[in-house]
Each structure stands twice: as structure tokens, then as C-alpha cells.
Amino acid sequence: MLRVLIVDDQAAIIATLSYVLRKIASVVQSESLVHAQNALIREKFDLAIFYLRISDSGKHEGLELVRFVRTTHPETKVIIMAGPCNEAVRKEAYELGAMHFYEKPLDISHLISQVQSLMR
């Protein structure tokens, strides 16, 4: 079974993605940068789905998590979710190794299709 880490600051997004993905994966949830990093230290994941801004700090913690994944588990595939953002941030996410970049509001069925496609 696939192992997926979902990181977002909105519990409703985490709950929705977890509910849908649990049909095809074992899901670990996180609402903070530190908790996500600890999960990545403890466990290996096939896929990580990060929200770009995990807190209200204005920083792009999701990009920091992509860097962290590339250092600790380079084989883990990464999807970034974000609100509207500029092209430079999107480009940086791809350069760091994100496989896909989705803007909210999410099309859950499309995201699930992409997850299934990535994991083949």
C-alpha cells in the first residue's frame, strides 16, 4: 500500500484528501512544518502533498519541505498545493523537484488521478 504524507494548515483539506486517498494509500496527516519534518525523519513516504504556506508567517514552508524531502528521501514524489501565487514560486517548486503544482480550490478527482498516475 502507498504511504502518503499530507501537510496543510486547513484541517478540512487534510480530512478530505485523507478520506479520498485512504482508499488507495496509508495516510499520515500534518498541520505544521515541524510535525511534517518529524514524520519524514521517522518514516519513508511514496508521496508527499504539501500546502505552500503551512502557517500565517507569509513564508513558503512547502518549499522548505520539498528541500527537506530531497535531502532525506529523494525518491519520494511531491505535489504542491497553493492559493494563487506568482510564476517564480511555481518555477522554484518544480526546480526543487515537485512533480505537480495545484492551485486551490482543488479539483479532487483530478488530484486523485494524478496521484494514481504518479504511483504506477
PDB file of N, CA and C in Angstrom:
ATOM      1  N   MET A   1       0.841  -1.185   0.000  1.00  0.00           N
ATOM      2  CA  MET A   1       0.000   0.000   0.000  1.00  0.00           C
ATOM      3  C   MET A   1       0.885   1.246   0.000  1.00  0.00           C
ATOM      4  N   LEU A   2       0.472   2.254  -0.719  1.00  0.00           N
ATOM      5  CA  LEU A   2       1.208   3.514  -0.788  1.00  0.00           C
ATOM      6  C   LEU A   2       1.219   4.211   0.561  1.00  0.00           C
ATOM      7  N   ARG A   3       2.298   4.930   0.830  1.00  0.00           N
ATOM      8  CA  ARG A   3       2.406   5.756   2.046  1.00  0.00           C
ATOM      9  C   ARG A   3       2.402   7.206   1.585  1.00  0.00           C
ATOM     10  N   VAL A   4       1.459   7.998   2.108  1.00  0.00           N
ATOM     11  CA  VAL A   4       1.298   9.386   1.690  1.00  0.00           C
ATOM     12  C   VAL A   4       1.301  10.297   2.913  1.00  0.00           C
ATOM     13  N   LEU A   5       2.062  11.386   2.827  1.00  0.00           N
ATOM     14  CA  LEU A   5       2.072  12.430   3.844  1.00  0.00           C
ATOM     15  C   LEU A   5       1.342  13.638   3.278  1.00  0.00           C
ATOM     16  N   ILE A   6       0.325  14.117   4.017  1.00  0.00           N
ATOM     17  CA  ILE A   6      -0.425  15.308   3.623  1.00  0.00           C
ATOM     18  C   ILE A   6      -0.157  16.401   4.647  1.00  0.00           C
ATOM     19  N   VAL A   7       0.265  17.569   4.158  1.00  0.00           N
ATOM     20  CA  VAL A   7       0.578  18.692   5.039  1.00  0.00           C
ATOM     21  C   VAL A   7      -0.181  19.924   4.559  1.00  0.00           C
ATOM     22  N   ASP A   8      -1.049  20.430   5.413  1.00  0.00           N
ATOM     23  CA  ASP A   8      -1.829  21.629   5.095  1.00  0.00           C
ATOM     24  C   ASP A   8      -2.240  22.278   6.403  1.00  0.00           C
ATOM     25  N   ASP A   9      -2.469  23.574   6.378  1.00  0.00           N
ATOM     26  CA  ASP A   9      -2.890  24.266   7.597  1.00  0.00           C
ATOM     27  C   ASP A   9      -4.407  24.245   7.777  1.00  0.00           C
ATOM     28  N   GLN A  10      -5.124  23.719   6.808  1.00  0.00           N
ATOM     29  CA  GLN A  10      -6.583  23.645   6.902  1.00  0.00           C
ATOM     30  C   GLN A  10      -7.012  22.204   7.154  1.00  0.00           C
ATOM     31  N   ALA A  11      -7.577  21.980   8.331  1.00  0.00           N
ATOM     32  CA  ALA A  11      -7.998  20.631   8.718  1.00  0.00           C
ATOM     33  C   ALA A  11      -8.998  20.038   7.723  1.00  0.00           C
ATOM     34  N   ALA A  12      -9.860  20.860   7.151  1.00  0.00           N
ATOM     35  CA  ALA A  12     -10.863  20.355   6.211  1.00  0.00           C
ATOM     36  C   ALA A  12     -10.212  19.799   4.947  1.00  0.00           C
ATOM     37  N   ILE A  13      -9.175  20.461   4.462  1.00  0.00           N
ATOM     38  CA  ILE A  13      -8.459  19.962   3.278  1.00  0.00           C
ATOM     39  C   ILE A  13      -7.788  18.630   3.597  1.00  0.00           C
ATOM     40  N   ILE A  14      -7.127  18.576   4.749  1.00  0.00           N
ATOM     41  CA  ILE A  14      -6.462  17.336   5.164  1.00  0.00           C
ATOM     42  C   ILE A  14      -7.481  16.210   5.281  1.00  0.00           C
ATOM     43  N   ALA A  15      -8.602  16.497   5.917  1.00  0.00           N
ATOM     44  CA  ALA A  15      -9.631  15.465   6.116  1.00  0.00           C
ATOM     45  C   ALA A  15     -10.185  14.971   4.781  1.00  0.00           C
ATOM     46  N   THR A  16     -10.448  15.881   3.864  1.00  0.00           N
ATOM     47  CA  THR A  16     -10.991  15.496   2.562  1.00  0.00           C
ATOM     48  C   THR A  16      -9.995  14.649   1.776  1.00  0.00           C
ATOM     49  N   LEU A  17      -8.756  15.122   1.688  1.00  0.00           N
ATOM     50  CA  LEU A  17      -7.739  14.355   0.957  1.00  0.00           C
ATOM     51  C   LEU A  17      -7.493  13.007   1.612  1.00  0.00           C
ATOM     52  N   SER A  18      -7.437  12.984   2.933  1.00  0.00           N
ATOM     53  CA  SER A  18      -7.205  11.728   3.645  1.00  0.00           C
ATOM     54  C   SER A  18      -8.324  10.735   3.383  1.00  0.00           C
ATOM     55  N   TYR A  19      -9.550  11.221   3.425  1.00  0.00           N
ATOM     56  CA  TYR A  19     -10.700  10.347   3.205  1.00  0.00           C
ATOM     57  C   TYR A  19     -10.639   9.709   1.817  1.00  0.00           C
ATOM     58  N   VAL A  20     -10.361  10.522   0.817  1.00  0.00           N
ATOM     59  CA  VAL A  20     -10.317  10.028  -0.558  1.00  0.00           C
ATOM     60  C   VAL A  20      -9.102   9.122  -0.775  1.00  0.00           C
ATOM     61  N   LEU A  21      -7.947   9.544  -0.273  1.00  0.00           N
ATOM     62  CA  LEU A  21      -6.717   8.777  -0.514  1.00  0.00           C
ATOM     63  C   LEU A  21      -6.650   7.481   0.281  1.00  0.00           C
ATOM     64  N   ARG A  22      -7.350   7.402   1.392  1.00  0.00           N
ATOM     65  CA  ARG A  22      -7.303   6.178   2.201  1.00  0.00           C
ATOM     66  C   ARG A  22      -7.795   4.952   1.452  1.00  0.00           C
ATOM     67  N   LYS A  23      -8.492   5.179   0.358  1.00  0.00           N
ATOM     68  CA  LYS A  23      -8.943   4.066  -0.471  1.00  0.00           C
ATOM     69  C   LYS A  23      -7.776   3.432  -1.219  1.00  0.00           C
ATOM     70  N   ILE A  24      -6.698   4.213  -1.441  1.00  0.00           N
ATOM     71  CA  ILE A  24      -5.563   3.704  -2.213  1.00  0.00           C
ATOM     72  C   ILE A  24      -4.236   3.814  -1.474  1.00  0.00           C
ATOM     73  N   ALA A  25      -4.257   4.417  -0.259  1.00  0.00           N
ATOM     74  CA  ALA A  25      -2.988   4.675   0.426  1.00  0.00           C
ATOM     75  C   ALA A  25      -3.156   4.714   1.940  1.00  0.00           C
ATOM     76  N   SER A  26      -2.046   4.523   2.610  1.00  0.00           N
ATOM     77  CA  SER A  26      -1.953   4.752   4.043  1.00  0.00           C
ATOM     78  C   SER A  26      -1.516   6.201   4.211  1.00  0.00           C
ATOM     79  N   VAL A  27      -2.303   6.996   4.949  1.00  0.00           N
ATOM     80  CA  VAL A  27      -2.098   8.439   5.009  1.00  0.00           C
ATOM     81  C   VAL A  27      -1.634   8.883   6.391  1.00  0.00           C
ATOM     82  N   VAL A  28      -0.633   9.764   6.410  1.00  0.00           N
ATOM     83  CA  VAL A  28      -0.196  10.450   7.624  1.00  0.00           C
ATOM     84  C   VAL A  28      -0.521  11.924   7.423  1.00  0.00           C
ATOM     85  N   GLN A  29      -1.126  12.548   8.437  1.00  0.00           N
ATOM     86  CA  GLN A  29      -1.561  13.935   8.342  1.00  0.00           C
ATOM     87  C   GLN A  29      -0.697  14.839   9.200  1.00  0.00           C
ATOM     88  N   SER A  30      -0.509  16.086   8.718  1.00  0.00           N
ATOM     89  CA  SER A  30       0.235  17.070   9.499  1.00  0.00           C
ATOM     90  C   SER A  30      -0.286  18.466   9.203  1.00  0.00           C
ATOM     91  N   GLU A  31      -0.332  19.292  10.250  1.00  0.00           N
ATOM     92  CA  GLU A  31      -0.730  20.682  10.090  1.00  0.00           C
ATOM     93  C   GLU A  31       0.419  21.640  10.379  1.00  0.00           C
ATOM     94  N   SER A  32       1.647  21.115  10.554  1.00  0.00           N
ATOM     95  CA  SER A  32       2.765  22.011  10.856  1.00  0.00           C
ATOM     96  C   SER A  32       4.046  21.537  10.178  1.00  0.00           C
ATOM     97  N   LEU A  33       4.932  22.486   9.972  1.00  0.00           N
ATOM     98  CA  LEU A  33       6.237  22.203   9.369  1.00  0.00           C
ATOM     99  C   LEU A  33       7.036  21.236  10.222  1.00  0.00           C
ATOM    100  N   VAL A  34       7.098  21.495  11.515  1.00  0.00           N
ATOM    101  CA  VAL A  34       7.901  20.660  12.416  1.00  0.00           C
ATOM    102  C   VAL A  34       7.353  19.238  12.476  1.00  0.00           C
ATOM    103  N   HIS A  35       6.045  19.099  12.594  1.00  0.00           N
ATOM    104  CA  HIS A  35       5.445  17.759  12.636  1.00  0.00           C
ATOM    105  C   HIS A  35       5.727  17.005  11.328  1.00  0.00           C
ATOM    106  N   ALA A  36       5.622  17.709  10.209  1.00  0.00           N
ATOM    107  CA  ALA A  36       5.891  17.077   8.912  1.00  0.00           C
ATOM    108  C   ALA A  36       7.348  16.632   8.809  1.00  0.00           C
ATOM    109  N   GLN A  37       8.269  17.481   9.242  1.00  0.00           N
ATOM    110  CA  GLN A  37       9.685  17.109   9.205  1.00  0.00           C
ATOM    111  C   GLN A  37       9.946  15.896  10.091  1.00  0.00           C
ATOM    112  N   ASN A  38       9.327  15.861  11.263  1.00  0.00           N
ATOM    113  CA  ASN A  38       9.494  14.699  12.153  1.00  0.00           C
ATOM    114  C   ASN A  38       8.953  13.431  11.511  1.00  0.00           C
ATOM    115  N   ALA A  39       7.812  13.536  10.850  1.00  0.00           N
ATOM    116  CA  ALA A  39       7.248  12.372  10.156  1.00  0.00           C
ATOM    117  C   ALA A  39       8.192  11.893   9.062  1.00  0.00           C
ATOM    118  N   LEU A  40       8.803  12.834   8.345  1.00  0.00           N
ATOM    119  CA  LEU A  40       9.731  12.474   7.273  1.00  0.00           C
ATOM    120  C   LEU A  40      11.018  11.863   7.807  1.00  0.00           C
ATOM    121  N   ILE A  41      11.400  12.225   9.012  1.00  0.00           N
ATOM    122  CA  ILE A  41      12.578  11.613   9.638  1.00  0.00           C
ATOM    123  C   ILE A  41      12.254  10.186  10.074  1.00  0.00           C
ATOM    124  N   ARG A  42      11.069   9.978  10.623  1.00  0.00           N
ATOM    125  CA  ARG A  42      10.671   8.670  11.155  1.00  0.00           C
ATOM    126  C   ARG A  42      10.282   7.664  10.090  1.00  0.00           C
ATOM    127  N   GLU A  43       9.677   8.152   9.008  1.00  0.00           N
ATOM    128  CA  GLU A  43       9.071   7.244   8.037  1.00  0.00           C
ATOM    129  C   GLU A  43       9.471   7.596   6.608  1.00  0.00           C
ATOM    130  N   LYS A  44       9.322   6.604   5.750  1.00  0.00           N
ATOM    131  CA  LYS A  44       9.535   6.792   4.320  1.00  0.00           C
ATOM    132  C   LYS A  44       8.158   6.865   3.656  1.00  0.00           C
ATOM    133  N   PHE A  45       7.990   7.830   2.764  1.00  0.00           N
ATOM    134  CA  PHE A  45       6.718   8.006   2.063  1.00  0.00           C
ATOM    135  C   PHE A  45       6.930   7.872   0.564  1.00  0.00           C
ATOM    136  N   ASP A  46       5.918   7.324  -0.104  1.00  0.00           N
ATOM    137  CA  ASP A  46       5.942   7.249  -1.563  1.00  0.00           C
ATOM    138  C   ASP A  46       5.597   8.605  -2.173  1.00  0.00           C
ATOM    139  N   LEU A  47       4.722   9.339  -1.472  1.00  0.00           N
ATOM    140  CA  LEU A  47       4.233  10.612  -1.974  1.00  0.00           C
ATOM    141  C   LEU A  47       4.027  11.570  -0.813  1.00  0.00           C
ATOM    142  N   ALA A  48       4.358  12.833  -1.046  1.00  0.00           N
ATOM    143  CA  ALA A  48       4.094  13.885  -0.075  1.00  0.00           C
ATOM    144  C   ALA A  48       3.306  14.987  -0.782  1.00  0.00           C
ATOM    145  N   ILE A  49       2.231  15.437  -0.146  1.00  0.00           N
ATOM    146  CA  ILE A  49       1.403  16.513  -0.684  1.00  0.00           C
ATOM    147  C   ILE A  49       1.475  17.660   0.317  1.00  0.00           C
ATOM    148  N   PHE A  50       2.079  18.765  -0.110  1.00  0.00           N
ATOM    149  CA  PHE A  50       2.322  19.899   0.785  1.00  0.00           C
ATOM    150  C   PHE A  50       1.549  21.125   0.327  1.00  0.00           C
ATOM    151  N   TYR A  51       0.987  21.845   1.293  1.00  0.00           N
ATOM    152  CA  TYR A  51       0.458  23.171   1.010  1.00  0.00           C
ATOM    153  C   TYR A  51       1.631  24.140   1.042  1.00  0.00           C
ATOM    154  N   LEU A  52       1.636  25.099   0.153  1.00  0.00           N
ATOM    155  CA  LEU A  52       2.768  26.019   0.032  1.00  0.00           C
ATOM    156  C   LEU A  52       2.999  26.835   1.304  1.00  0.00           C
ATOM    157  N   ARG A  53       1.931  27.365   1.882  1.00  0.00           N
ATOM    158  CA  ARG A  53       2.036  28.172   3.104  1.00  0.00           C
ATOM    159  C   ARG A  53       1.312  27.446   4.228  1.00  0.00           C
ATOM    160  N   ILE A  54       2.079  26.800   5.086  1.00  0.00           N
ATOM    161  CA  ILE A  54       1.506  25.979   6.147  1.00  0.00           C
ATOM    162  C   ILE A  54       1.058  26.829   7.336  1.00  0.00           C
ATOM    163  N   SER A  55       1.651  27.995   7.505  1.00  0.00           N
ATOM    164  CA  SER A  55       1.282  28.873   8.619  1.00  0.00           C
ATOM    165  C   SER A  55       0.973  30.264   8.083  1.00  0.00           C
ATOM    166  N   ASP A  56       0.638  31.167   8.984  1.00  0.00           N
ATOM    167  CA  ASP A  56       0.362  32.547   8.594  1.00  0.00           C
ATOM    168  C   ASP A  56       1.619  33.405   8.556  1.00  0.00           C
ATOM    169  N   SER A  57       2.785  32.788   8.565  1.00  0.00           N
ATOM    170  CA  SER A  57       4.046  33.530   8.614  1.00  0.00           C
ATOM    171  C   SER A  57       4.346  34.277   7.312  1.00  0.00           C
ATOM    172  N   GLY A  58       3.684  33.907   6.230  1.00  0.00           N
ATOM    173  CA  GLY A  58       3.977  34.505   4.937  1.00  0.00           C
ATOM    174  C   GLY A  58       5.099  33.795   4.201  1.00  0.00           C
ATOM    175  N   LYS A  59       5.717  32.821   4.855  1.00  0.00           N
ATOM    176  CA  LYS A  59       6.801  32.065   4.229  1.00  0.00           C
ATOM    177  C   LYS A  59       6.230  30.907   3.426  1.00  0.00           C
ATOM    178  N   HIS A  60       7.035  30.398   2.536  1.00  0.00           N
ATOM    179  CA  HIS A  60       6.643  29.242   1.729  1.00  0.00           C
ATOM    180  C   HIS A  60       7.221  27.979   2.358  1.00  0.00           C
ATOM    181  N   GLU A  61       6.636  27.545   3.472  1.00  0.00           N
ATOM    182  CA  GLU A  61       7.148  26.363   4.176  1.00  0.00           C
ATOM    183  C   GLU A  61       7.077  25.107   3.317  1.00  0.00           C
ATOM    184  N   GLY A  62       6.113  25.067   2.390  1.00  0.00           N
ATOM    185  CA  GLY A  62       6.018  23.918   1.497  1.00  0.00           C
ATOM    186  C   GLY A  62       7.275  23.733   0.671  1.00  0.00           C
ATOM    187  N   LEU A  63       7.888  24.827   0.247  1.00  0.00           N
ATOM    188  CA  LEU A  63       9.146  24.734  -0.498  1.00  0.00           C
ATOM    189  C   LEU A  63      10.263  24.219   0.399  1.00  0.00           C
ATOM    190  N   GLU A  64      10.245  24.650   1.654  1.00  0.00           N
ATOM    191  CA  GLU A  64      11.227  24.140   2.611  1.00  0.00           C
ATOM    192  C   GLU A  64      11.066  22.629   2.785  1.00  0.00           C
ATOM    193  N   LEU A  65       9.826  22.168   2.806  1.00  0.00           N
ATOM    194  CA  LEU A  65       9.586  20.721   2.918  1.00  0.00           C
ATOM    195  C   LEU A  65      10.045  19.971   1.669  1.00  0.00           C
ATOM    196  N   VAL A  66       9.892  20.578   0.495  1.00  0.00           N
ATOM    197  CA  VAL A  66      10.391  19.924  -0.721  1.00  0.00           C
ATOM    198  C   VAL A  66      11.905  19.751  -0.611  1.00  0.00           C
ATOM    199  N   ARG A  67      12.598  20.798  -0.175  1.00  0.00           N
ATOM    200  CA  ARG A  67      14.055  20.700   0.019  1.00  0.00           C
ATOM    201  C   ARG A  67      14.392  19.591   1.022  1.00  0.00           C
ATOM    202  N   PHE A  68      13.638  19.543   2.108  1.00  0.00           N
ATOM    203  CA  PHE A  68      13.869  18.547   3.155  1.00  0.00           C
ATOM    204  C   PHE A  68      13.675  17.130   2.609  1.00  0.00           C
ATOM    205  N   VAL A  69      12.618  16.937   1.829  1.00  0.00           N
ATOM    206  CA  VAL A  69      12.362  15.615   1.230  1.00  0.00           C
ATOM    207  C   VAL A  69      13.492  15.233   0.280  1.00  0.00           C
ATOM    208  N   ARG A  70      13.934  16.155  -0.528  1.00  0.00           N
ATOM    209  CA  ARG A  70      15.007  15.858  -1.479  1.00  0.00           C
ATOM    210  C   ARG A  70      16.289  15.452  -0.753  1.00  0.00           C
ATOM    211  N   THR A  71      16.500  15.964   0.446  1.00  0.00           N
ATOM    212  CA  THR A  71      17.674  15.613   1.241  1.00  0.00           C
ATOM    213  C   THR A  71      17.506  14.269   1.938  1.00  0.00           C
ATOM    214  N   THR A  72      16.329  14.028   2.500  1.00  0.00           N
ATOM    215  CA  THR A  72      16.119  12.826   3.312  1.00  0.00           C
ATOM    216  C   THR A  72      15.620  11.624   2.518  1.00  0.00           C
ATOM    217  N   HIS A  73      14.738  11.854   1.558  1.00  0.00           N
ATOM    218  CA  HIS A  73      14.139  10.764   0.769  1.00  0.00           C
ATOM    219  C   HIS A  73      13.956  11.218  -0.680  1.00  0.00           C
ATOM    220  N   PRO A  74      15.020  11.293  -1.449  1.00  0.00           N
ATOM    221  CA  PRO A  74      14.921  11.828  -2.808  1.00  0.00           C
ATOM    222  C   PRO A  74      13.963  11.067  -3.724  1.00  0.00           C
ATOM    223  N   GLU A  75      13.651   9.835  -3.381  1.00  0.00           N
ATOM    224  CA  GLU A  75      12.738   9.054  -4.218  1.00  0.00           C
ATOM    225  C   GLU A  75      11.265   9.380  -3.977  1.00  0.00           C
ATOM    226  N   THR A  76      10.953  10.111  -2.917  1.00  0.00           N
ATOM    227  CA  THR A  76       9.572  10.481  -2.607  1.00  0.00           C
ATOM    228  C   THR A  76       9.076  11.508  -3.617  1.00  0.00           C
ATOM    229  N   LYS A  77       7.925  11.230  -4.201  1.00  0.00           N
ATOM    230  CA  LYS A  77       7.321  12.169  -5.148  1.00  0.00           C
ATOM    231  C   LYS A  77       6.589  13.253  -4.357  1.00  0.00           C
ATOM    232  N   VAL A  78       6.580  14.482  -4.896  1.00  0.00           N
ATOM    233  CA  VAL A  78       5.996  15.619  -4.187  1.00  0.00           C
ATOM    234  C   VAL A  78       5.000  16.355  -5.068  1.00  0.00           C
ATOM    235  N   ILE A  79       3.858  16.681  -4.453  1.00  0.00           N
ATOM    236  CA  ILE A  79       2.848  17.537  -5.069  1.00  0.00           C
ATOM    237  C   ILE A  79       2.692  18.759  -4.165  1.00  0.00           C
ATOM    238  N   ILE A  80       2.660  19.941  -4.771  1.00  0.00           N
ATOM    239  CA  ILE A  80       2.462  21.179  -4.021  1.00  0.00           C
ATOM    240  C   ILE A  80       1.055  21.710  -4.299  1.00  0.00           C
ATOM    241  N   MET A  81       0.379  22.163  -3.232  1.00  0.00           N
ATOM    242  CA  MET A  81      -0.907  22.849  -3.346  1.00  0.00           C
ATOM    243  C   MET A  81      -0.681  24.289  -2.907  1.00  0.00           C
ATOM    244  N   ALA A  82      -1.391  25.219  -3.541  1.00  0.00           N
ATOM    245  CA  ALA A  82      -1.209  26.626  -3.173  1.00  0.00           C
ATOM    246  C   ALA A  82      -2.440  27.431  -3.532  1.00  0.00           C
ATOM    247  N   GLY A  83      -2.552  28.565  -2.890  1.00  0.00           N
ATOM    248  CA  GLY A  83      -3.506  29.562  -3.339  1.00  0.00           C
ATOM    249  C   GLY A  83      -2.879  30.234  -4.550  1.00  0.00           C
ATOM    250  N   PRO A  84      -3.505  31.272  -5.065  1.00  0.00           N
ATOM    251  CA  PRO A  84      -2.894  31.977  -6.189  1.00  0.00           C
ATOM    252  C   PRO A  84      -1.484  32.452  -5.825  1.00  0.00           C
ATOM    253  N   CYS A  85      -0.529  32.216  -6.705  1.00  0.00           N
ATOM    254  CA  CYS A  85       0.846  32.646  -6.441  1.00  0.00           C
ATOM    255  C   CYS A  85       1.523  32.989  -7.759  1.00  0.00           C
ATOM    256  N   ASN A  86       2.674  33.621  -7.644  1.00  0.00           N
ATOM    257  CA  ASN A  86       3.350  34.067  -8.859  1.00  0.00           C
ATOM    258  C   ASN A  86       4.119  32.918  -9.522  1.00  0.00           C
ATOM    259  N   GLU A  87       4.448  33.141 -10.761  1.00  0.00           N
ATOM    260  CA  GLU A  87       5.116  32.109 -11.573  1.00  0.00           C
ATOM    261  C   GLU A  87       6.494  31.743 -11.022  1.00  0.00           C
ATOM    262  N   ALA A  88       7.188  32.697 -10.390  1.00  0.00           N
ATOM    263  CA  ALA A  88       8.517  32.415  -9.842  1.00  0.00           C
ATOM    264  C   ALA A  88       8.453  31.354  -8.748  1.00  0.00           C
ATOM    265  N   VAL A  89       7.421  31.408  -7.921  1.00  0.00           N
ATOM    266  CA  VAL A  89       7.263  30.411  -6.854  1.00  0.00           C
ATOM    267  C   VAL A  89       6.960  29.044  -7.460  1.00  0.00           C
ATOM    268  N   ARG A  90       6.078  29.026  -8.426  1.00  0.00           N
ATOM    269  CA  ARG A  90       5.741  27.775  -9.121  1.00  0.00           C
ATOM    270  C   ARG A  90       7.000  27.176  -9.757  1.00  0.00           C
ATOM    271  N   LYS A  91       7.775  28.009 -10.423  1.00  0.00           N
ATOM    272  CA  LYS A  91       9.012  27.554 -11.064  1.00  0.00           C
ATOM    273  C   LYS A  91       9.988  26.987 -10.038  1.00  0.00           C
ATOM    274  N   GLU A  92      10.117  27.670  -8.901  1.00  0.00           N
ATOM    275  CA  GLU A  92      11.014  27.182  -7.849  1.00  0.00           C
ATOM    276  C   GLU A  92      10.575  25.816  -7.342  1.00  0.00           C
ATOM    277  N   ALA A  93       9.264  25.625  -7.173  1.00  0.00           N
ATOM    278  CA  ALA A  93       8.751  24.331  -6.719  1.00  0.00           C
ATOM    279  C   ALA A  93       9.157  23.221  -7.684  1.00  0.00           C
ATOM    280  N   TYR A  94       9.006  23.474  -8.970  1.00  0.00           N
ATOM    281  CA  TYR A  94       9.396  22.471  -9.968  1.00  0.00           C
ATOM    282  C   TYR A  94      10.911  22.247  -9.974  1.00  0.00           C
ATOM    283  N   GLU A  95      11.670  23.316  -9.847  1.00  0.00           N
ATOM    284  CA  GLU A  95      13.130  23.179  -9.826  1.00  0.00           C
ATOM    285  C   GLU A  95      13.610  22.385  -8.617  1.00  0.00           C
ATOM    286  N   LEU A  96      12.888  22.505  -7.504  1.00  0.00           N
ATOM    287  CA  LEU A  96      13.244  21.752  -6.296  1.00  0.00           C
ATOM    288  C   LEU A  96      12.842  20.280  -6.388  1.00  0.00           C
ATOM    289  N   GLY A  97      11.975  19.965  -7.345  1.00  0.00           N
ATOM    290  CA  GLY A  97      11.612  18.570  -7.537  1.00  0.00           C
ATOM    291  C   GLY A  97      10.145  18.236  -7.377  1.00  0.00           C
ATOM    292  N   ALA A  98       9.277  19.236  -7.241  1.00  0.00           N
ATOM    293  CA  ALA A  98       7.842  18.940  -7.180  1.00  0.00           C
ATOM    294  C   ALA A  98       7.394  18.369  -8.520  1.00  0.00           C
ATOM    295  N   MET A  99       6.544  17.359  -8.473  1.00  0.00           N
ATOM    296  CA  MET A  99       6.051  16.721  -9.691  1.00  0.00           C
ATOM    297  C   MET A  99       4.859  17.484 -10.279  1.00  0.00           C
ATOM    298  N   HIS A 100       4.015  18.032  -9.394  1.00  0.00           N
ATOM    299  CA  HIS A 100       2.832  18.777  -9.819  1.00  0.00           C
ATOM    300  C   HIS A 100       2.609  19.934  -8.866  1.00  0.00           C
ATOM    301  N   PHE A 101       1.914  20.950  -9.357  1.00  0.00           N
ATOM    302  CA  PHE A 101       1.619  22.151  -8.584  1.00  0.00           C
ATOM    303  C   PHE A 101       0.150  22.475  -8.834  1.00  0.00           C
ATOM    304  N   TYR A 102      -0.673  22.426  -7.794  1.00  0.00           N
ATOM    305  CA  TYR A 102      -2.102  22.686  -7.922  1.00  0.00           C
ATOM    306  C   TYR A 102      -2.482  23.929  -7.143  1.00  0.00           C
ATOM    307  N   GLU A 103      -3.300  24.770  -7.769  1.00  0.00           N
ATOM    308  CA  GLU A 103      -3.836  25.923  -7.066  1.00  0.00           C
ATOM    309  C   GLU A 103      -5.203  25.568  -6.490  1.00  0.00           C
ATOM    310  N   LYS A 104      -5.451  26.089  -5.279  1.00  0.00           N
ATOM    311  CA  LYS A 104      -6.761  25.922  -4.667  1.00  0.00           C
ATOM    312  C   LYS A 104      -7.720  26.902  -5.321  1.00  0.00           C
ATOM    313  N   PRO A 105      -8.981  26.581  -5.455  1.00  0.00           N
ATOM    314  CA  PRO A 105      -9.624  25.379  -4.942  1.00  0.00           C
ATOM    315  C   PRO A 105      -9.221  24.161  -5.769  1.00  0.00           C
ATOM    316  N   LEU A 106      -9.050  23.056  -5.073  1.00  0.00           N
ATOM    317  CA  LEU A 106      -8.575  21.835  -5.703  1.00  0.00           C
ATOM    318  C   LEU A 106      -9.684  21.112  -6.448  1.00  0.00           C
ATOM    319  N   ASP A 107      -9.315  20.522  -7.557  1.00  0.00           N
ATOM    320  CA  ASP A 107     -10.173  19.574  -8.249  1.00  0.00           C
ATOM    321  C   ASP A 107      -9.737  18.206  -7.716  1.00  0.00           C
ATOM    322  N   ILE A 108     -10.446  17.717  -6.708  1.00  0.00           N
ATOM    323  CA  ILE A 108     -10.042  16.495  -6.004  1.00  0.00           C
ATOM    324  C   ILE A 108      -9.941  15.306  -6.948  1.00  0.00           C
ATOM    325  N   SER A 109     -10.889  15.162  -7.855  1.00  0.00           N
ATOM    326  CA  SER A 109     -10.846  13.997  -8.759  1.00  0.00           C
ATOM    327  C   SER A 109      -9.604  14.053  -9.655  1.00  0.00           C
ATOM    328  N   HIS A 110      -9.238  15.246 -10.114  1.00  0.00           N
ATOM    329  CA  HIS A 110      -8.028  15.373 -10.934  1.00  0.00           C
ATOM    330  C   HIS A 110      -6.779  15.068 -10.104  1.00  0.00           C
ATOM    331  N   LEU A 111      -6.746  15.568  -8.880  1.00  0.00           N
ATOM    332  CA  LEU A 111      -5.611  15.304  -8.000  1.00  0.00           C
ATOM    333  C   LEU A 111      -5.463  13.805  -7.739  1.00  0.00           C
ATOM    334  N   ILE A 112      -6.554  13.128  -7.471  1.00  0.00           N
ATOM    335  CA  ILE A 112      -6.509  11.678  -7.224  1.00  0.00           C
ATOM    336  C   ILE A 112      -6.019  10.946  -8.470  1.00  0.00           C
ATOM    337  N   SER A 113      -6.475  11.365  -9.641  1.00  0.00           N
ATOM    338  CA  SER A 113      -5.993  10.753 -10.887  1.00  0.00           C
ATOM    339  C   SER A 113      -4.489  10.931 -11.034  1.00  0.00           C
ATOM    340  N   GLN A 114      -3.993  12.128 -10.689  1.00  0.00           N
ATOM    341  CA  GLN A 114      -2.551  12.378 -10.769  1.00  0.00           C
ATOM    342  C   GLN A 114      -1.791  11.518  -9.770  1.00  0.00           C
ATOM    343  N   VAL A 115      -2.336  11.364  -8.572  1.00  0.00           N
ATOM    344  CA  VAL A 115      -1.692  10.508  -7.561  1.00  0.00           C
ATOM    345  C   VAL A 115      -1.597   9.087  -8.091  1.00  0.00           C
ATOM    346  N   GLN A 116      -2.677   8.582  -8.617  1.00  0.00           N
ATOM    347  CA  GLN A 116      -2.676   7.222  -9.165  1.00  0.00           C
ATOM    348  C   GLN A 116      -1.684   7.100 -10.314  1.00  0.00           C
ATOM    349  N   SER A 117      -1.605   8.095 -11.155  1.00  0.00           N
ATOM    350  CA  SER A 117      -0.672   8.079 -12.278  1.00  0.00           C
ATOM    351  C   SER A 117       0.779   8.117 -11.798  1.00  0.00           C
ATOM    352  N   LEU A 118       1.069   8.957 -10.816  1.00  0.00           N
ATOM    353  CA  LEU A 118       2.432   9.040 -10.276  1.00  0.00           C
ATOM    354  C   LEU A 118       2.896   7.737  -9.643  1.00  0.00           C
ATOM    355  N   MET A 119       1.977   7.008  -9.078  1.00  0.00           N
ATOM    356  CA  MET A 119       2.344   5.829  -8.313  1.00  0.00           C
ATOM    357  C   MET A 119       2.408   4.553  -9.154  1.00  0.00           C
ATOM    358  N   ARG A 120       2.149   4.651 -10.446  1.00  0.00           N
ATOM    359  CA  ARG A 120       2.248   3.471 -11.306  1.00  0.00           C
ATOM    360  C   ARG A 120       3.677   3.152 -11.613  1.00  0.00           C
TER     361      ARG A 120
END
